[in-house]
Each structure stands twice: as C-alpha cells, then as structure tokens.
Amino acid sequence: MLRKENSNLKRILVSGECPPVTLDGDTITTTSTPNYLGLTLDRRLTWGPHINRKRIQANIRLKQLHWLIGKKSKRPSLPRNSAIHEELGIPWVDDEIYRHSVRYASRLENHPNHLAINILDNSQSLRRLQKTHPLDLTQH
C-alpha cells in the first residue's frame, strides 16, 4: 500500500494532475500556485513562485522609496561610528565584552563552589567547537 501511495504522489507531482478533492459533496477548486501561511507553493513544492512574488514586492517597495534613496535625494551626510562613540561616550562592543569578561573572571575566582573555580582553568587544550575559550576574552 505504501508503494502505491508513493507512486501516486510521484505521479501527481510530476505529471501536474491533481485528483479532485471533495468536502461534504462539494468539489474544492484547485490552483497551480496556492498561498499557505504566506508561502506561495507550486505543484513540485519548489520556491520559484514564492521568490518571484517576493522579488516583485521588493521592487515595488524600492520604487516607492526611490525618492528617499535616489541619487538626487537631499539626505544629510551621516557621521562615522567613531564620531558617534566619542561624542556620546558610548563604549565599543569589544570594550564591553572585555569589561564583562574580566568582571566575570574575578567573580569566579572568589566563588565558594570549587567547580565554578575550575572554569578558570585554561590549561585544557581540547576545545571541541569553540575556537577560543570564553575566558580568552579577558586578554585584551
């Protein structure tokens, strides 16, 4: 029975024929590209119609915003990130990571649980998926 169902499914996907589906005696109409949960499907369950539809929608949105991002738009020049960080006193992400990792390491040194203190041991050279040990971040 399973082999017969697989051959029927293959025949439907390949040949493009869809058997009629009825619900309470009413035949449900079929379409070549139905929409389901925002996805446009086709008979072969490929992404082609969905991608084409989304590309058209993106092009329409781009044309609507062209006045804002076009060559002749009068947009102000944006300052560099370094100027924003200096002027507003915002720390860089790398500096924040370093600051938090140093604080974390100092908290682990004084921890009452000996297993937590063992986390500070960087002598193990076996690192499976991690390129660096988390406490390597304390070395700036």
Protein backbone atom coordinates (compact mmCIF):
# COMPACT_ATOMS: atom_id res chain seq x y z
CA MET A 1 0.00 0.00 0.00
CA LEU A 2 2.84 2.40 0.86
CA ARG A 3 4.49 1.82 -2.51
CA LYS A 4 1.21 2.58 -4.30
CA GLU A 5 0.76 5.83 -2.34
CA ASN A 6 4.32 6.90 -3.16
CA SER A 7 3.77 6.22 -6.85
CA ASN A 8 0.53 8.22 -6.77
CA LEU A 9 2.27 11.14 -5.09
CA LYS A 10 5.09 10.97 -7.61
CA ARG A 11 2.59 10.88 -10.47
CA ILE A 12 0.77 13.92 -9.06
CA LEU A 13 3.97 15.94 -8.55
CA VAL A 14 5.49 15.00 -11.89
CA SER A 15 2.51 14.97 -14.21
CA GLY A 16 0.81 18.04 -12.78
CA GLU A 17 -2.53 16.28 -12.40
CA CYS A 18 -4.36 16.84 -9.18
CA PRO A 19 -7.18 14.48 -8.23
CA PRO A 20 -10.44 16.22 -7.36
CA VAL A 21 -10.97 16.79 -3.65
CA THR A 22 -14.48 16.90 -2.25
CA LEU A 23 -15.68 18.08 1.13
CA ASP A 24 -19.30 17.33 2.05
CA GLY A 25 -20.04 16.65 -1.60
CA ASP A 26 -18.62 20.00 -2.81
CA THR A 27 -15.56 19.90 -5.05
CA ILE A 28 -12.76 22.13 -3.80
CA THR A 29 -11.23 24.19 -6.57
CA THR A 30 -7.51 23.86 -7.15
CA THR A 31 -4.95 26.43 -8.18
CA SER A 32 -1.48 25.97 -9.62
CA THR A 33 0.16 28.23 -7.00
CA PRO A 34 -1.75 28.28 -3.70
CA ASN A 35 -0.74 30.54 -0.82
CA TYR A 36 -0.35 28.91 2.57
CA LEU A 37 0.86 30.82 5.64
CA GLY A 38 2.40 33.48 3.42
CA LEU A 39 4.27 30.99 1.22
CA THR A 40 3.45 30.57 -2.44
CA LEU A 41 3.63 26.88 -3.28
CA ASP A 42 3.59 25.08 -6.59
CA ARG A 43 2.90 21.50 -7.62
CA ARG A 44 6.52 20.46 -7.23
CA LEU A 45 6.90 22.23 -3.88
CA THR A 46 9.71 24.48 -5.13
CA TRP A 47 10.44 28.04 -4.04
CA GLY A 48 10.26 29.53 -7.56
CA PRO A 49 6.82 31.19 -7.46
CA HIS A 50 7.37 32.44 -3.90
CA ILE A 51 10.73 34.01 -4.74
CA ASN A 52 9.33 35.64 -7.88
CA ARG A 53 6.40 37.08 -5.92
CA LYS A 54 8.67 38.43 -3.19
CA ARG A 55 11.05 39.92 -5.78
CA ILE A 56 8.14 41.78 -7.39
CA GLN A 57 7.01 43.06 -3.98
CA ALA A 58 10.55 44.22 -3.15
CA ASN A 59 10.87 46.05 -6.48
CA ILE A 60 7.56 47.82 -5.88
CA ARG A 61 8.73 48.90 -2.41
CA LEU A 62 12.07 50.06 -3.83
CA LYS A 63 10.30 52.20 -6.42
CA GLN A 64 8.13 53.71 -3.69
CA LEU A 65 11.23 54.64 -1.67
CA HIS A 66 13.33 55.79 -4.61
CA TRP A 67 12.72 59.45 -3.78
CA LEU A 68 14.37 58.83 -0.42
CA ILE A 69 17.38 56.81 -1.54
CA GLY A 70 17.82 58.01 -5.12
CA LYS A 71 20.87 59.89 -6.43
CA LYS A 72 19.18 63.28 -6.33
CA SER A 73 17.74 62.94 -2.85
CA LYS A 74 18.85 65.56 -0.36
CA ARG A 75 19.79 63.33 2.52
CA PRO A 76 22.23 64.60 5.12
CA SER A 77 25.65 63.02 5.32
CA LEU A 78 25.88 60.59 8.20
CA PRO A 79 28.65 60.80 10.79
CA ARG A 80 31.13 57.98 11.25
CA ASN A 81 30.63 55.47 14.04
CA SER A 82 33.81 56.60 15.76
CA ALA A 83 32.49 60.16 15.97
CA ILE A 84 29.21 58.96 17.47
CA HIS A 85 31.03 56.84 20.05
CA GLU A 86 33.35 59.69 21.03
CA GLU A 87 30.68 62.37 21.17
CA LEU A 88 28.09 60.37 23.10
CA GLY A 89 30.56 58.42 25.20
CA ILE A 90 29.21 55.06 24.03
CA PRO A 91 31.69 52.23 24.58
CA TRP A 92 32.59 49.90 21.72
CA VAL A 93 31.21 46.36 21.77
CA ASP A 94 34.70 44.84 22.08
CA ASP A 95 35.41 47.01 25.12
CA GLU A 96 32.12 46.00 26.74
CA ILE A 97 32.82 42.30 26.14
CA TYR A 98 36.28 42.70 27.66
CA ARG A 99 34.91 44.58 30.68
CA HIS A 100 32.22 41.98 31.36
CA SER A 101 34.55 39.02 30.87
CA VAL A 102 37.10 40.48 33.32
CA ARG A 103 34.34 41.06 35.85
CA TYR A 104 33.06 37.50 35.33
CA ALA A 105 36.55 36.05 35.81
CA SER A 106 37.04 37.99 39.05
CA ARG A 107 33.68 36.75 40.34
CA LEU A 108 34.69 33.16 39.56
CA GLU A 109 38.00 33.50 41.43
CA ASN A 110 36.16 34.20 44.68
CA HIS A 111 33.33 31.75 44.14
CA PRO A 112 32.62 29.31 47.02
CA ASN A 113 31.93 26.41 44.65
CA HIS A 114 35.13 24.66 43.56
CA LEU A 115 33.53 23.58 40.26
CA ALA A 116 32.99 27.21 39.30
CA ILE A 117 36.64 27.97 40.05
CA ASN A 118 37.66 25.14 37.68
CA ILE A 119 36.12 27.10 34.81
CA LEU A 120 39.07 29.48 35.09
CA ASP A 121 41.48 26.66 34.24
CA ASN A 122 42.64 27.38 30.68
CA SER A 123 45.15 24.54 30.62
CA GLN A 124 42.87 22.13 28.77
CA SER A 125 43.80 22.22 25.12
CA LEU A 126 40.72 20.26 24.00
CA ARG A 127 38.20 22.71 22.60
CA ARG A 128 35.61 20.97 20.54
CA LEU A 129 33.56 23.51 18.61
CA GLN A 130 34.84 26.69 20.18
CA LYS A 131 37.81 28.38 18.56
CA THR A 132 38.61 30.22 21.75
CA HIS A 133 37.85 29.70 25.39
CA PRO A 134 35.38 32.24 26.81
CA LEU A 135 37.93 33.46 29.30
CA ASP A 136 40.37 34.22 26.49
CA LEU A 137 38.28 37.35 26.06
CA THR A 138 39.86 38.74 29.22
CA GLN A 139 43.13 39.14 27.34
CA HIS A 140 42.65 42.42 25.54
